[in-house]
C-alpha atoms as a PDB file:
ATOM      1  CA  MET A   1     100.120 151.000 108.324  1.00  0.00           C
ATOM      2  CA  GLU A   2     100.408 147.351 107.628  1.00  0.00           C
ATOM      3  CA  ILE A   3     101.346 145.188 104.631  1.00  0.00           C
ATOM      4  CA  ASN A   4     100.560 141.859 104.433  1.00  0.00           C
ATOM      5  CA  PRO A   5     102.703 139.483 101.416  1.00  0.00           C
ATOM      6  CA  ARG A   6      99.501 137.110 101.741  1.00  0.00           C
ATOM      7  CA  VAL A   7      97.498 137.035  99.503  1.00  0.00           C
ATOM      8  CA  SER A   8      94.079 134.386  99.996  1.00  0.00           C
ATOM      9  CA  THR A   9      92.089 134.580  96.828  1.00  0.00           C
ATOM     10  CA  PHE A  10      92.017 136.435  93.758  1.00  0.00           C
ATOM     11  CA  ILE A  11      92.144 136.512  89.613  1.00  0.00           C
ATOM     12  CA  TYR A  12      94.679 136.972  87.725  1.00  0.00           C
ATOM     13  CA  ASP A  13      95.360 136.885  84.081  1.00  0.00           C
ATOM     14  CA  ASP A  14      98.371 137.019  81.567  1.00  0.00           C
ATOM     15  CA  ASP A  15      97.169 141.207  81.822  1.00  0.00           C
ATOM     16  CA  TYR A  16      95.593 141.509  84.774  1.00  0.00           C
ATOM     17  CA  CYS A  17      97.000 141.284  88.177  1.00  0.00           C
ATOM     18  CA  PRO A  18      94.724 142.761  91.064  1.00  0.00           C
ATOM     19  CA  PRO A  19      97.451 143.121  93.594  1.00  0.00           C
ATOM     20  CA  TYR A  20      99.771 144.733  91.008  1.00  0.00           C
ATOM     21  CA  LEU A  21      97.552 147.270  90.198  1.00  0.00           C
ATOM     22  CA  ALA A  22      97.280 147.845  93.607  1.00  0.00           C
ATOM     23  CA  LEU A  23     100.451 148.294  94.423  1.00  0.00           C
ATOM     24  CA  LYS A  24     101.016 150.957  90.987  1.00  0.00           C
ATOM     25  CA  LEU A  25      98.450 152.888  92.322  1.00  0.00           C
ATOM     26  CA  ALA A  26      99.327 153.151  95.562  1.00  0.00           C
ATOM     27  CA  MET A  27     103.220 154.107  94.998  1.00  0.00           C
ATOM     28  CA  GLY A  28     101.348 156.670  92.553  1.00  0.00           C
ATOM     29  CA  GLU A  29     102.481 155.241  89.034  1.00  0.00           C
ATOM     30  CA  MET A  30      99.383 154.988  88.039  1.00  0.00           C
ATOM     31  CA  THR A  31      96.474 156.624  87.783  1.00  0.00           C
ATOM     32  CA  GLU A  32      92.995 155.392  89.349  1.00  0.00           C
ATOM     33  CA  THR A  33      92.801 155.766  85.211  1.00  0.00           C
ATOM     34  CA  GLU A  34      94.681 154.208  83.804  1.00  0.00           C
ATOM     35  CA  ILE A  35      93.602 151.319  85.837  1.00  0.00           C
ATOM     36  CA  GLU A  36      90.362 151.194  84.886  1.00  0.00           C
ATOM     37  CA  GLY A  37      91.763 151.274  81.144  1.00  0.00           C
ATOM     38  CA  TYR A  38      92.744 147.378  82.819  1.00  0.00           C
ATOM     39  CA  GLN A  39      88.706 146.685  83.849  1.00  0.00           C
ATOM     40  CA  LYS A  40      88.474 145.063  79.636  1.00  0.00           C
ATOM     41  CA  ASN A  41      91.700 142.862  81.011  1.00  0.00           C
ATOM     42  CA  VAL A  42      89.272 140.931  84.209  1.00  0.00           C
ATOM     43  CA  PRO A  43      88.523 137.730  83.139  1.00  0.00           C
ATOM     44  CA  ILE A  44      85.030 137.043  82.720  1.00  0.00           C
ATOM     45  CA  GLY A  45      84.465 133.726  83.208  1.00  0.00           C
ATOM     46  CA  LYS A  46      87.688 132.224  84.789  1.00  0.00           C
ATOM     47  CA  LYS A  47      86.926 130.288  88.142  1.00  0.00           C
ATOM     48  CA  MET A  48      88.660 130.255  91.241  1.00  0.00           C
ATOM     49  CA  PHE A  49      89.797 126.627  92.663  1.00  0.00           C
ATOM     50  CA  ARG A  50      91.821 127.245  96.164  1.00  0.00           C
ATOM     51  CA  TYR A  51      94.083 124.323  97.102  1.00  0.00           C
ATOM     52  CA  TYR A  52      94.426 123.222 100.740  1.00  0.00           C
ATOM     53  CA  GLY A  53      97.293 122.239 101.530  1.00  0.00           C
ATOM     54  CA  GLN A  54      97.964 121.897 104.799  1.00  0.00           C
ATOM     55  CA  VAL A  55      98.009 119.057 107.384  1.00  0.00           C
ATOM     56  CA  ASP A  56      97.445 119.643 111.001  1.00  0.00           C
ATOM     57  CA  TYR A  57      98.620 117.309 114.184  1.00  0.00           C
END
């Protein structure tokens, strides 16, 4: 099993962080029903911005 710590892009808020919820589910610390309870916290209307700061030489 590979765990890649580099998360490319996701939307998060004060009480909504998908990677955190995914880890809690994977470790058995939360049930699917508990995770579904966080759907009301999804920040609808929030915009994503992805910054590319890589410089190639």
